[in-house]
PDB file of N, CA and C in Angstrom:
ATOM      1  N   MET A   1     -13.399   6.584   5.162  1.00  0.00           N
ATOM      2  CA  MET A   1     -12.818   6.118   4.056  1.00  0.00           C
ATOM      3  C   MET A   1     -13.447   4.301   4.401  1.00  0.00           C
ATOM      4  N   PHE A   2     -13.356   4.621   3.033  1.00  0.00           N
ATOM      5  CA  PHE A   2     -14.769   3.121   2.131  1.00  0.00           C
ATOM      6  C   PHE A   2     -13.600   2.179   1.909  1.00  0.00           C
ATOM      7  N   LEU A   3     -13.310   0.908   1.584  1.00  0.00           N
ATOM      8  CA  LEU A   3     -12.302   0.385   2.023  1.00  0.00           C
ATOM      9  C   LEU A   3     -13.313  -1.259   1.973  1.00  0.00           C
ATOM     10  N   ASP A   4     -11.912  -2.078   0.774  1.00  0.00           N
ATOM     11  CA  ASP A   4     -12.415  -3.421   0.279  1.00  0.00           C
ATOM     12  C   ASP A   4     -11.555  -4.701   0.086  1.00  0.00           C
ATOM     13  N   ASN A   5     -12.444  -5.350   1.079  1.00  0.00           N
ATOM     14  CA  ASN A   5     -10.742  -6.400   0.662  1.00  0.00           C
ATOM     15  C   ASN A   5     -10.350  -6.689  -0.643  1.00  0.00           C
ATOM     16  N   GLU A   6     -11.011  -6.553  -1.429  1.00  0.00           N
ATOM     17  CA  GLU A   6     -10.924  -6.595  -3.076  1.00  0.00           C
ATOM     18  C   GLU A   6      -9.210  -5.278  -3.558  1.00  0.00           C
ATOM     19  N   VAL A   7      -8.901  -4.447  -3.024  1.00  0.00           N
ATOM     20  CA  VAL A   7      -8.281  -3.399  -2.550  1.00  0.00           C
ATOM     21  C   VAL A   7      -7.255  -3.256  -1.808  1.00  0.00           C
ATOM     22  N   LEU A   8      -7.223  -4.046  -0.852  1.00  0.00           N
ATOM     23  CA  LEU A   8      -6.078  -3.816   0.093  1.00  0.00           C
ATOM     24  C   LEU A   8      -4.933  -5.053  -0.042  1.00  0.00           C
ATOM     25  N   TRP A   9      -3.746  -4.738   0.039  1.00  0.00           N
ATOM     26  CA  TRP A   9      -2.687  -5.375   0.283  1.00  0.00           C
ATOM     27  C   TRP A   9      -2.208  -6.179   0.938  1.00  0.00           C
ATOM     28  N   ALA A  10      -2.574  -5.199   1.951  1.00  0.00           N
ATOM     29  CA  ALA A  10      -2.704  -6.084   3.465  1.00  0.00           C
ATOM     30  C   ALA A  10      -3.470  -5.330   5.069  1.00  0.00           C
ATOM     31  N   ASP A  11      -4.230  -6.843   5.056  1.00  0.00           N
ATOM     32  CA  ASP A  11      -5.179  -6.036   6.805  1.00  0.00           C
ATOM     33  C   ASP A  11      -5.186  -6.397   7.517  1.00  0.00           C
ATOM     34  N   ALA A  12      -4.111  -5.925   8.572  1.00  0.00           N
ATOM     35  CA  ALA A  12      -3.383  -6.497  10.279  1.00  0.00           C
ATOM     36  C   ALA A  12      -2.446  -7.141   9.243  1.00  0.00           C
ATOM     37  N   LEU A  13      -1.394  -7.223   8.684  1.00  0.00           N
ATOM     38  CA  LEU A  13      -0.669  -8.014   8.392  1.00  0.00           C
ATOM     39  C   LEU A  13       0.796  -8.242   9.588  1.00  0.00           C
ATOM     40  N   ALA A  14       1.069  -9.495   9.972  1.00  0.00           N
ATOM     41  CA  ALA A  14       2.010  -9.183  10.428  1.00  0.00           C
ATOM     42  C   ALA A  14       3.327  -8.831   9.348  1.00  0.00           C
ATOM     43  N   TYR A  15       5.044  -8.483  10.445  1.00  0.00           N
ATOM     44  CA  TYR A  15       5.508  -8.075   9.300  1.00  0.00           C
ATOM     45  C   TYR A  15       6.335  -8.939   8.346  1.00  0.00           C
ATOM     46  N   GLY A  16       6.601 -10.232   8.545  1.00  0.00           N
ATOM     47  CA  GLY A  16       7.582 -11.029   7.775  1.00  0.00           C
ATOM     48  C   GLY A  16       6.108 -12.140   6.736  1.00  0.00           C
ATOM     49  N   GLY A  17       4.414 -11.385   6.944  1.00  0.00           N
ATOM     50  CA  GLY A  17       3.761 -11.676   5.393  1.00  0.00           C
ATOM     51  C   GLY A  17       4.391 -11.209   3.884  1.00  0.00           C
ATOM     52  N   THR A  18       3.362 -12.045   3.326  1.00  0.00           N
ATOM     53  CA  THR A  18       3.349 -11.152   1.656  1.00  0.00           C
ATOM     54  C   THR A  18       2.419 -10.245   1.820  1.00  0.00           C
ATOM     55  N   PRO A  19       2.114  -8.961   1.240  1.00  0.00           N
ATOM     56  CA  PRO A  19       0.915  -8.610   0.907  1.00  0.00           C
ATOM     57  C   PRO A  19       0.326  -9.172  -0.181  1.00  0.00           C
ATOM     58  N   THR A  20      -0.494  -8.784  -0.594  1.00  0.00           N
ATOM     59  CA  THR A  20      -0.926  -9.331  -1.570  1.00  0.00           C
ATOM     60  C   THR A  20      -0.791  -8.298  -3.279  1.00  0.00           C
ATOM     61  N   VAL A  21      -0.678  -9.197  -4.055  1.00  0.00           N
ATOM     62  CA  VAL A  21      -0.302  -8.119  -5.078  1.00  0.00           C
ATOM     63  C   VAL A  21      -1.758  -7.635  -5.877  1.00  0.00           C
ATOM     64  N   LEU A  22      -1.982  -5.806  -6.178  1.00  0.00           N
ATOM     65  CA  LEU A  22      -3.426  -5.765  -6.353  1.00  0.00           C
ATOM     66  C   LEU A  22      -3.753  -5.831  -7.821  1.00  0.00           C
ATOM     67  N   ASP A  23      -5.082  -6.191  -8.797  1.00  0.00           N
ATOM     68  CA  ASP A  23      -5.121  -6.584  -9.317  1.00  0.00           C
ATOM     69  C   ASP A  23      -5.871  -4.849 -10.074  1.00  0.00           C
ATOM     70  N   LEU A  24      -5.628  -3.749 -10.496  1.00  0.00           N
ATOM     71  CA  LEU A  24      -6.608  -2.496 -10.349  1.00  0.00           C
ATOM     72  C   LEU A  24      -6.813  -2.438 -11.535  1.00  0.00           C
ATOM     73  N   GLY A  25      -6.523  -2.973 -12.514  1.00  0.00           N
ATOM     74  CA  GLY A  25      -8.018  -3.719 -14.022  1.00  0.00           C
ATOM     75  C   GLY A  25      -9.278  -3.770 -13.379  1.00  0.00           C
ATOM     76  N   SER A  26     -10.085  -4.666 -12.221  1.00  0.00           N
ATOM     77  CA  SER A  26     -11.017  -4.309 -11.936  1.00  0.00           C
ATOM     78  C   SER A  26     -11.290  -3.206 -10.904  1.00  0.00           C
ATOM     79  N   THR A  27     -10.747  -2.516 -10.398  1.00  0.00           N
ATOM     80  CA  THR A  27     -10.646  -1.748  -9.393  1.00  0.00           C
ATOM     81  C   THR A  27     -10.715   0.336  -9.555  1.00  0.00           C
ATOM     82  N   SER A  28      -9.406   0.751 -10.435  1.00  0.00           N
ATOM     83  CA  SER A  28      -9.645   0.854 -10.474  1.00  0.00           C
ATOM     84  C   SER A  28     -10.783   1.902 -10.316  1.00  0.00           C
ATOM     85  N   PRO A  29     -10.670   3.548 -10.611  1.00  0.00           N
ATOM     86  CA  PRO A  29     -11.468   4.183  -9.968  1.00  0.00           C
ATOM     87  C   PRO A  29     -12.319   5.519 -11.125  1.00  0.00           C
ATOM     88  N   ALA A  30     -11.548   5.034 -12.268  1.00  0.00           N
ATOM     89  CA  ALA A  30     -11.777   5.275 -13.841  1.00  0.00           C
ATOM     90  C   ALA A  30     -10.396   5.818 -14.576  1.00  0.00           C
ATOM     91  N   THR A  31     -10.365   6.347 -15.413  1.00  0.00           N
ATOM     92  CA  THR A  31      -9.539   6.397 -16.490  1.00  0.00           C
ATOM     93  C   THR A  31      -9.166   8.197 -15.745  1.00  0.00           C
ATOM     94  N   GLY A  32      -8.167   8.455 -15.074  1.00  0.00           N
ATOM     95  CA  GLY A  32      -7.793  10.091 -15.238  1.00  0.00           C
ATOM     96  C   GLY A  32      -7.410  10.809 -13.638  1.00  0.00           C
ATOM     97  N   LYS A  33      -8.102   9.718 -13.209  1.00  0.00           N
ATOM     98  CA  LYS A  33      -8.643   9.656 -11.645  1.00  0.00           C
ATOM     99  C   LYS A  33      -7.332   9.232 -10.949  1.00  0.00           C
ATOM    100  N   PRO A  34      -6.749   9.808  -9.817  1.00  0.00           N
ATOM    101  CA  PRO A  34      -5.786   9.676  -8.974  1.00  0.00           C
ATOM    102  C   PRO A  34      -6.085   8.430  -8.096  1.00  0.00           C
ATOM    103  N   ILE A  35      -5.181   6.913  -8.078  1.00  0.00           N
ATOM    104  CA  ILE A  35      -5.393   6.345  -6.943  1.00  0.00           C
ATOM    105  C   ILE A  35      -4.745   6.606  -5.117  1.00  0.00           C
ATOM    106  N   ASN A  36      -5.922   6.937  -4.484  1.00  0.00           N
ATOM    107  CA  ASN A  36      -5.818   7.098  -3.273  1.00  0.00           C
ATOM    108  C   ASN A  36      -4.978   6.468  -2.269  1.00  0.00           C
ATOM    109  N   CYS A  37      -3.401   5.806  -1.567  1.00  0.00           N
ATOM    110  CA  CYS A  37      -3.631   4.637  -0.872  1.00  0.00           C
ATOM    111  C   CYS A  37      -3.512   5.989   0.517  1.00  0.00           C
ATOM    112  N   PHE A  38      -3.333   4.611   0.975  1.00  0.00           N
ATOM    113  CA  PHE A  38      -3.213   4.516   3.071  1.00  0.00           C
ATOM    114  C   PHE A  38      -1.682   3.163   2.778  1.00  0.00           C
ATOM    115  N   ILE A  39      -1.288   3.487   4.005  1.00  0.00           N
ATOM    116  CA  ILE A  39      -0.486   2.390   5.208  1.00  0.00           C
ATOM    117  C   ILE A  39      -0.876   2.719   6.634  1.00  0.00           C
ATOM    118  N   THR A  40      -1.319   1.861   7.181  1.00  0.00           N
ATOM    119  CA  THR A  40      -1.023   2.101   8.729  1.00  0.00           C
ATOM    120  C   THR A  40      -0.353   1.161   9.461  1.00  0.00           C
ATOM    121  N   THR A  41      -0.052   1.697  10.435  1.00  0.00           N
ATOM    122  CA  THR A  41       1.216   0.808  11.036  1.00  0.00           C
ATOM    123  C   THR A  41      -0.475   0.325  12.337  1.00  0.00           C
ATOM    124  N   LEU A  42      -0.393  -0.858  12.207  1.00  0.00           N
ATOM    125  CA  LEU A  42      -1.094  -0.850  13.607  1.00  0.00           C
ATOM    126  C   LEU A  42      -0.713  -1.680  14.794  1.00  0.00           C
ATOM    127  N   THR A  43       1.075  -2.365  14.929  1.00  0.00           N
ATOM    128  CA  THR A  43       2.858  -1.702  16.549  1.00  0.00           C
ATOM    129  C   THR A  43       3.048  -1.149  15.005  1.00  0.00           C
ATOM    130  N   ALA A  44       4.490  -0.666  15.944  1.00  0.00           N
ATOM    131  CA  ALA A  44       5.314   0.206  14.678  1.00  0.00           C
ATOM    132  C   ALA A  44       6.515  -1.143  14.232  1.00  0.00           C
ATOM    133  N   LEU A  45       6.318  -1.174  12.472  1.00  0.00           N
ATOM    134  CA  LEU A  45       7.908  -1.396  11.928  1.00  0.00           C
ATOM    135  C   LEU A  45       8.525  -1.390  12.181  1.00  0.00           C
ATOM    136  N   THR A  46       9.583  -2.177  13.498  1.00  0.00           N
ATOM    137  CA  THR A  46      11.009  -2.082  13.770  1.00  0.00           C
ATOM    138  C   THR A  46      11.435  -2.676  13.041  1.00  0.00           C
ATOM    139  N   GLY A  47      12.634  -1.697  12.528  1.00  0.00           N
ATOM    140  CA  GLY A  47      14.002  -1.875  11.436  1.00  0.00           C
ATOM    141  C   GLY A  47      13.070  -1.721  10.203  1.00  0.00           C
ATOM    142  N   CYS A  48      11.818  -1.062   9.771  1.00  0.00           N
ATOM    143  CA  CYS A  48      11.647  -1.171   8.349  1.00  0.00           C
ATOM    144  C   CYS A  48      11.911   0.594   7.437  1.00  0.00           C
ATOM    145  N   THR A  49      12.991   0.496   6.162  1.00  0.00           N
ATOM    146  CA  THR A  49      12.833   2.473   6.627  1.00  0.00           C
ATOM    147  C   THR A  49      12.361   1.975   5.265  1.00  0.00           C
ATOM    148  N   GLY A  50      11.246   1.905   5.178  1.00  0.00           N
ATOM    149  CA  GLY A  50      10.640   2.421   3.823  1.00  0.00           C
ATOM    150  C   GLY A  50      10.032   1.026   2.726  1.00  0.00           C
ATOM    151  N   LEU A  51       8.876   2.187   2.566  1.00  0.00           N
ATOM    152  CA  LEU A  51       7.711   1.237   1.846  1.00  0.00           C
ATOM    153  C   LEU A  51       8.143   1.014  -0.143  1.00  0.00           C
ATOM    154  N   VAL A  52       8.132   0.395  -0.610  1.00  0.00           N
ATOM    155  CA  VAL A  52       8.745  -0.024  -2.238  1.00  0.00           C
ATOM    156  C   VAL A  52       6.896  -0.065  -3.394  1.00  0.00           C
ATOM    157  N   ILE A  53       6.131   0.850  -3.575  1.00  0.00           N
ATOM    158  CA  ILE A  53       5.237  -0.035  -4.698  1.00  0.00           C
ATOM    159  C   ILE A  53       5.750   0.059  -5.939  1.00  0.00           C
ATOM    160  N   THR A  54       5.411  -0.968  -7.181  1.00  0.00           N
ATOM    161  CA  THR A  54       6.748  -2.134  -7.545  1.00  0.00           C
ATOM    162  C   THR A  54       5.580  -2.127  -8.663  1.00  0.00           C
ATOM    163  N   ASP A  55       6.313  -2.818  -9.922  1.00  0.00           N
ATOM    164  CA  ASP A  55       4.807  -2.888 -11.012  1.00  0.00           C
ATOM    165  C   ASP A  55       4.942  -4.685 -10.385  1.00  0.00           C
ATOM    166  N   GLY A  56       3.732  -5.182  -9.903  1.00  0.00           N
ATOM    167  CA  GLY A  56       3.579  -6.355  -8.837  1.00  0.00           C
ATOM    168  C   GLY A  56       4.283  -7.097 -10.512  1.00  0.00           C
ATOM    169  N   ALA A  57       2.815  -6.979 -11.522  1.00  0.00           N
ATOM    170  CA  ALA A  57       2.949  -8.521 -12.676  1.00  0.00           C
ATOM    171  C   ALA A  57       4.730  -8.661 -12.644  1.00  0.00           C
ATOM    172  N   THR A  58       5.575  -7.664 -13.150  1.00  0.00           N
ATOM    173  CA  THR A  58       7.464  -8.035 -13.263  1.00  0.00           C
ATOM    174  C   THR A  58       7.764  -8.342 -11.703  1.00  0.00           C
ATOM    175  N   ASN A  59       8.111  -7.774 -10.826  1.00  0.00           N
ATOM    176  CA  ASN A  59       8.819  -7.620 -10.217  1.00  0.00           C
ATOM    177  C   ASN A  59      10.101  -7.188 -10.428  1.00  0.00           C
ATOM    178  N   SER A  60      10.275  -6.891 -10.839  1.00  0.00           N
ATOM    179  CA  SER A  60      11.742  -5.891 -11.328  1.00  0.00           C
ATOM    180  C   SER A  60      12.185  -4.508 -10.497  1.00  0.00           C
ATOM    181  N   ALA A  61      13.144  -4.145  -9.526  1.00  0.00           N
ATOM    182  CA  ALA A  61      13.269  -3.482  -9.599  1.00  0.00           C
ATOM    183  C   ALA A  61      13.936  -2.260 -10.684  1.00  0.00           C
ATOM    184  N   ALA A  62      13.605  -2.360 -11.589  1.00  0.00           N
ATOM    185  CA  ALA A  62      13.356  -1.309 -12.768  1.00  0.00           C
ATOM    186  C   ALA A  62      12.353  -1.026 -13.180  1.00  0.00           C
ATOM    187  N   ASP A  63      11.248  -1.555 -12.085  1.00  0.00           N
ATOM    188  CA  ASP A  63       9.446  -1.240 -12.300  1.00  0.00           C
ATOM    189  C   ASP A  63       8.839  -0.620 -10.820  1.00  0.00           C
ATOM    190  N   ASP A  64      10.345  -0.183 -10.687  1.00  0.00           N
ATOM    191  CA  ASP A  64       9.954   0.441  -9.504  1.00  0.00           C
ATOM    192  C   ASP A  64       8.881   2.009  -9.117  1.00  0.00           C
ATOM    193  N   LEU A  65       7.651   2.009  -9.133  1.00  0.00           N
ATOM    194  CA  LEU A  65       6.647   3.244  -9.041  1.00  0.00           C
ATOM    195  C   LEU A  65       7.595   4.675  -8.728  1.00  0.00           C
ATOM    196  N   MET A  66       7.649   4.123  -7.449  1.00  0.00           N
ATOM    197  CA  MET A  66       8.196   5.156  -6.109  1.00  0.00           C
ATOM    198  C   MET A  66       7.796   4.751  -4.620  1.00  0.00           C
ATOM    199  N   THR A  67       8.895   5.220  -3.606  1.00  0.00           N
ATOM    200  CA  THR A  67       8.756   4.922  -2.798  1.00  0.00           C
ATOM    201  C   THR A  67       9.377   6.033  -1.754  1.00  0.00           C
ATOM    202  N   LEU A  68       8.708   5.088  -0.385  1.00  0.00           N
ATOM    203  CA  LEU A  68       8.414   6.476   0.055  1.00  0.00           C
ATOM    204  C   LEU A  68       9.808   6.488   1.700  1.00  0.00           C
ATOM    205  N   ASP A  69       9.959   6.585   2.275  1.00  0.00           N
ATOM    206  CA  ASP A  69      11.111   6.720   3.090  1.00  0.00           C
ATOM    207  C   ASP A  69      10.942   6.554   4.313  1.00  0.00           C
ATOM    208  N   ASP A  70      11.264   6.039   5.578  1.00  0.00           N
ATOM    209  CA  ASP A  70      10.629   6.043   6.472  1.00  0.00           C
ATOM    210  C   ASP A  70       9.362   5.990   6.889  1.00  0.00           C
ATOM    211  N   PRO A  71       8.097   5.380   6.193  1.00  0.00           N
ATOM    212  CA  PRO A  71       6.601   6.116   6.226  1.00  0.00           C
ATOM    213  C   PRO A  71       5.962   5.318   7.376  1.00  0.00           C
ATOM    214  N   MET A  72       7.110   4.286   7.753  1.00  0.00           N
ATOM    215  CA  MET A  72       5.890   3.407   9.302  1.00  0.00           C
ATOM    216  C   MET A  72       7.605   3.665  10.870  1.00  0.00           C
ATOM    217  N   ALA A  73       7.935   4.367  11.114  1.00  0.00           N
ATOM    218  CA  ALA A  73       8.816   4.999  11.850  1.00  0.00           C
ATOM    219  C   ALA A  73       7.649   4.111  13.407  1.00  0.00           C
ATOM    220  N   ALA A  74       6.619   5.347  13.250  1.00  0.00           N
ATOM    221  CA  ALA A  74       5.848   5.047  14.952  1.00  0.00           C
ATOM    222  C   ALA A  74       5.095   4.620  14.701  1.00  0.00           C
ATOM    223  N   VAL A  75       3.778   4.435  14.771  1.00  0.00           N
ATOM    224  CA  VAL A  75       2.234   3.651  15.121  1.00  0.00           C
ATOM    225  C   VAL A  75       1.800   5.146  14.404  1.00  0.00           C
ATOM    226  N   GLY A  76       1.327   4.999  13.156  1.00  0.00           N
ATOM    227  CA  GLY A  76      -0.215   5.840  12.620  1.00  0.00           C
ATOM    228  C   GLY A  76      -0.200   5.019  10.933  1.00  0.00           C
ATOM    229  N   THR A  77      -0.865   6.427  10.198  1.00  0.00           N
ATOM    230  CA  THR A  77      -1.127   6.289   8.620  1.00  0.00           C
ATOM    231  C   THR A  77      -0.172   7.185   8.075  1.00  0.00           C
ATOM    232  N   VAL A  78      -0.169   6.987   7.094  1.00  0.00           N
ATOM    233  CA  VAL A  78       0.199   7.243   5.925  1.00  0.00           C
ATOM    234  C   VAL A  78       0.167   7.664   4.744  1.00  0.00           C
ATOM    235  N   TYR A  79      -0.442   8.596   3.440  1.00  0.00           N
ATOM    236  CA  TYR A  79      -1.171   8.555   3.084  1.00  0.00           C
ATOM    237  C   TYR A  79      -0.061   9.192   1.043  1.00  0.00           C
ATOM    238  N   PHE A  80      -1.044   8.367   0.531  1.00  0.00           N
ATOM    239  CA  PHE A  80      -0.435   9.182  -0.907  1.00  0.00           C
ATOM    240  C   PHE A  80      -1.091   8.286  -2.021  1.00  0.00           C
ATOM    241  N   THR A  81      -0.858   8.917  -2.931  1.00  0.00           N
ATOM    242  CA  THR A  81      -1.232   8.822  -4.452  1.00  0.00           C
ATOM    243  C   THR A  81      -0.429   7.979  -5.599  1.00  0.00           C
ATOM    244  N   LEU A  82      -1.314   7.073  -6.100  1.00  0.00           N
ATOM    245  CA  LEU A  82       0.188   5.892  -6.644  1.00  0.00           C
ATOM    246  C   LEU A  82       0.222   7.511  -8.285  1.00  0.00           C
ATOM    247  N   PRO A  83       1.330   7.310  -9.172  1.00  0.00           N
ATOM    248  CA  PRO A  83       2.122   8.369 -10.014  1.00  0.00           C
ATOM    249  C   PRO A  83       1.266   7.675 -11.226  1.00  0.00           C
ATOM    250  N   ALA A  84       0.373   8.153 -11.707  1.00  0.00           N
ATOM    251  CA  ALA A  84      -0.081   8.199 -13.458  1.00  0.00           C
ATOM    252  C   ALA A  84       0.040   7.209 -13.999  1.00  0.00           C
ATOM    253  N   LYS A  85       1.886   6.397 -14.004  1.00  0.00           N
ATOM    254  CA  LYS A  85       2.129   5.712 -14.842  1.00  0.00           C
ATOM    255  C   LYS A  85       1.758   4.140 -14.446  1.00  0.00           C
ATOM    256  N   THR A  86       0.817   4.004 -12.929  1.00  0.00           N
ATOM    257  CA  THR A  86       0.941   2.872 -12.256  1.00  0.00           C
ATOM    258  C   THR A  86       0.650   1.746 -13.464  1.00  0.00           C
ATOM    259  N   LEU A  87       0.792   0.258 -13.871  1.00  0.00           N
ATOM    260  CA  LEU A  87       0.204  -0.317 -14.187  1.00  0.00           C
ATOM    261  C   LEU A  87      -1.018  -1.353 -13.822  1.00  0.00           C
ATOM    262  N   ARG A  88      -1.155  -2.303 -14.262  1.00  0.00           N
ATOM    263  CA  ARG A  88      -2.132  -2.733 -13.693  1.00  0.00           C
ATOM    264  C   ARG A  88      -2.701  -3.536 -12.317  1.00  0.00           C
ATOM    265  N   PHE A  89      -1.476  -4.671 -12.394  1.00  0.00           N
ATOM    266  CA  PHE A  89      -1.051  -5.471 -10.871  1.00  0.00           C
ATOM    267  C   PHE A  89       0.022  -4.218 -10.254  1.00  0.00           C
ATOM    268  N   VAL A  90       0.134  -4.260  -8.851  1.00  0.00           N
ATOM    269  CA  VAL A  90       0.994  -3.388  -8.508  1.00  0.00           C
ATOM    270  C   VAL A  90       0.732  -4.002  -6.575  1.00  0.00           C
ATOM    271  N   LYS A  91       2.770  -3.842  -6.056  1.00  0.00           N
ATOM    272  CA  LYS A  91       2.392  -5.156  -4.746  1.00  0.00           C
ATOM    273  C   LYS A  91       2.924  -3.540  -4.150  1.00  0.00           C
ATOM    274  N   ILE A  92       3.290  -4.306  -2.873  1.00  0.00           N
ATOM    275  CA  ILE A  92       4.405  -2.689  -2.348  1.00  0.00           C
ATOM    276  C   ILE A  92       5.386  -4.403  -0.906  1.00  0.00           C
ATOM    277  N   THR A  93       6.022  -3.659  -0.895  1.00  0.00           N
ATOM    278  CA  THR A  93       7.618  -3.809  -0.184  1.00  0.00           C
ATOM    279  C   THR A  93       8.042  -3.615   1.265  1.00  0.00           C
ATOM    280  N   LEU A  94       8.165  -4.109   1.668  1.00  0.00           N
ATOM    281  CA  LEU A  94       8.892  -3.303   2.508  1.00  0.00           C
ATOM    282  C   LEU A  94      10.205  -3.508   2.883  1.00  0.00           C
ATOM    283  N   GLU A  95      10.572  -2.082   3.124  1.00  0.00           N
ATOM    284  CA  GLU A  95      12.492  -1.773   3.082  1.00  0.00           C
ATOM    285  C   GLU A  95      13.285  -2.020   4.271  1.00  0.00           C
ATOM    286  N   GLY A  96      13.896  -2.465   4.236  1.00  0.00           N
ATOM    287  CA  GLY A  96      14.714  -2.927   6.241  1.00  0.00           C
ATOM    288  C   GLY A  96      15.162  -4.287   5.955  1.00  0.00           C
ATOM    289  N   THR A  97      15.242  -4.192   7.433  1.00  0.00           N
ATOM    290  CA  THR A  97      15.590  -5.330   7.837  1.00  0.00           C
ATOM    291  C   THR A  97      14.174  -5.612   9.194  1.00  0.00           C
ATOM    292  N   VAL A  98      12.833  -5.577   8.794  1.00  0.00           N
ATOM    293  CA  VAL A  98      11.980  -5.807  10.119  1.00  0.00           C
ATOM    294  C   VAL A  98      11.975  -6.616  10.706  1.00  0.00           C
ATOM    295  N   SER A  99      11.759  -6.547  12.023  1.00  0.00           N
ATOM    296  CA  SER A  99      11.489  -7.381  13.533  1.00  0.00           C
ATOM    297  C   SER A  99      10.665  -7.426  14.412  1.00  0.00           C
ATOM    298  N   ALA A 100       9.616  -6.412  13.825  1.00  0.00           N
ATOM    299  CA  ALA A 100       8.404  -6.983  13.828  1.00  0.00           C
ATOM    300  C   ALA A 100       7.066  -5.610  13.928  1.00  0.00           C
ATOM    301  N   GLY A 101       6.254  -5.706  14.146  1.00  0.00           N
ATOM    302  CA  GLY A 101       5.332  -5.069  13.598  1.00  0.00           C
ATOM    303  C   GLY A 101       4.053  -5.346  12.456  1.00  0.00           C
ATOM    304  N   THR A 102       2.667  -5.406  12.965  1.00  0.00           N
ATOM    305  CA  THR A 102       1.562  -5.379  11.243  1.00  0.00           C
ATOM    306  C   THR A 102       1.088  -3.606  11.050  1.00  0.00           C
ATOM    307  N   PHE A 103       0.171  -4.395  10.209  1.00  0.00           N
ATOM    308  CA  PHE A 103       0.465  -3.481   9.333  1.00  0.00           C
ATOM    309  C   PHE A 103      -0.831  -3.100   8.257  1.00  0.00           C
ATOM    310  N   THR A 104      -2.023  -2.472   7.657  1.00  0.00           N
ATOM    311  CA  THR A 104      -2.925  -3.026   6.984  1.00  0.00           C
ATOM    312  C   THR A 104      -2.275  -1.052   6.281  1.00  0.00           C
ATOM    313  N   ALA A 105      -2.862  -1.668   4.978  1.00  0.00           N
ATOM    314  CA  ALA A 105      -2.500  -0.925   3.316  1.00  0.00           C
ATOM    315  C   ALA A 105      -3.316  -1.550   2.177  1.00  0.00           C
ATOM    316  N   GLY A 106      -3.716  -0.913   1.370  1.00  0.00           N
ATOM    317  CA  GLY A 106      -4.772  -0.599   0.471  1.00  0.00           C
ATOM    318  C   GLY A 106      -4.818   0.154  -0.323  1.00  0.00           C
ATOM    319  N   VAL A 107      -5.464   0.445  -0.907  1.00  0.00           N
ATOM    320  CA  VAL A 107      -6.507   1.665  -2.010  1.00  0.00           C
ATOM    321  C   VAL A 107      -7.651   2.348  -0.919  1.00  0.00           C
ATOM    322  N   MET A 108      -8.009   3.376  -1.117  1.00  0.00           N
ATOM    323  CA  MET A 108      -8.929   3.716  -0.451  1.00  0.00           C
ATOM    324  C   MET A 108     -10.093   5.141  -1.938  1.00  0.00           C
ATOM    325  N   LEU A 109     -11.147   4.684  -1.047  1.00  0.00           N
ATOM    326  CA  LEU A 109     -12.210   5.127  -2.088  1.00  0.00           C
ATOM    327  C   LEU A 109     -12.297   7.034  -1.881  1.00  0.00           C
ATOM    328  N   ASP A 110     -12.615   8.212  -2.637  1.00  0.00           N
ATOM    329  CA  ASP A 110     -12.872   8.946  -2.043  1.00  0.00           C
ATOM    330  C   ASP A 110     -14.419   8.856  -1.659  1.00  0.00           C
ATOM    331  N   GLY A 111     -14.577  10.251  -0.701  1.00  0.00           N
ATOM    332  CA  GLY A 111     -15.978   9.826   0.354  1.00  0.00           C
ATOM    333  C   GLY A 111     -16.260  10.316   1.220  1.00  0.00           C
ATOM    334  N   ALA A 112     -17.253  10.692   2.294  1.00  0.00           N
ATOM    335  CA  ALA A 112     -17.244  11.047   3.335  1.00  0.00           C
ATOM    336  C   ALA A 112     -18.239   9.564   3.869  1.00  0.00           C
ATOM    337  N   GLN A 113     -17.820   9.370   5.309  1.00  0.00           N
ATOM    338  CA  GLN A 113     -18.951   7.232   5.276  1.00  0.00           C
ATOM    339  C   GLN A 113     -20.196   7.847   5.985  1.00  0.00           C
ATOM    340  N   THR A 114     -20.685   7.378   5.941  1.00  0.00           N
ATOM    341  CA  THR A 114     -21.333   7.962   5.969  1.00  0.00           C
ATOM    342  C   THR A 114     -22.482   6.268   6.626  1.00  0.00           C
ATOM    343  N   ASN A 115     -21.844   5.142   7.512  1.00  0.00           N
ATOM    344  CA  ASN A 115     -22.938   4.571   8.398  1.00  0.00           C
ATOM    345  C   ASN A 115     -21.998   4.129   9.975  1.00  0.00           C
ATOM    346  N   VAL A 116     -21.496   6.093  10.213  1.00  0.00           N
ATOM    347  CA  VAL A 116     -20.710   6.312  11.673  1.00  0.00           C
ATOM    348  C   VAL A 116     -22.349   6.081  12.034  1.00  0.00           C
TER     349      VAL A 116
END
């Protein structure tokens, strides 16, 4: 998996930190191509009940693009694809009363990693 700081919402971010709002206008893979994403829990996000992906320009609940229920109950990685109606600015929010944990989340490009 290829990662770039320009396409990360969070990089080993503690549960109380604020994820970045991504600007997909400069990082979109191409028109019509799916935008594949991931969230990896480095330590379990205690109390997290879900992850909400929202239009980051308005921050309105009416602009929620998708919700992943309880994806971070244990340490691991969840992959998801942003819906076709995704706008330029996108943010993620942890739901629930999170009391511990760290995570990394972002957009990933398809392809095999060749520097291993």
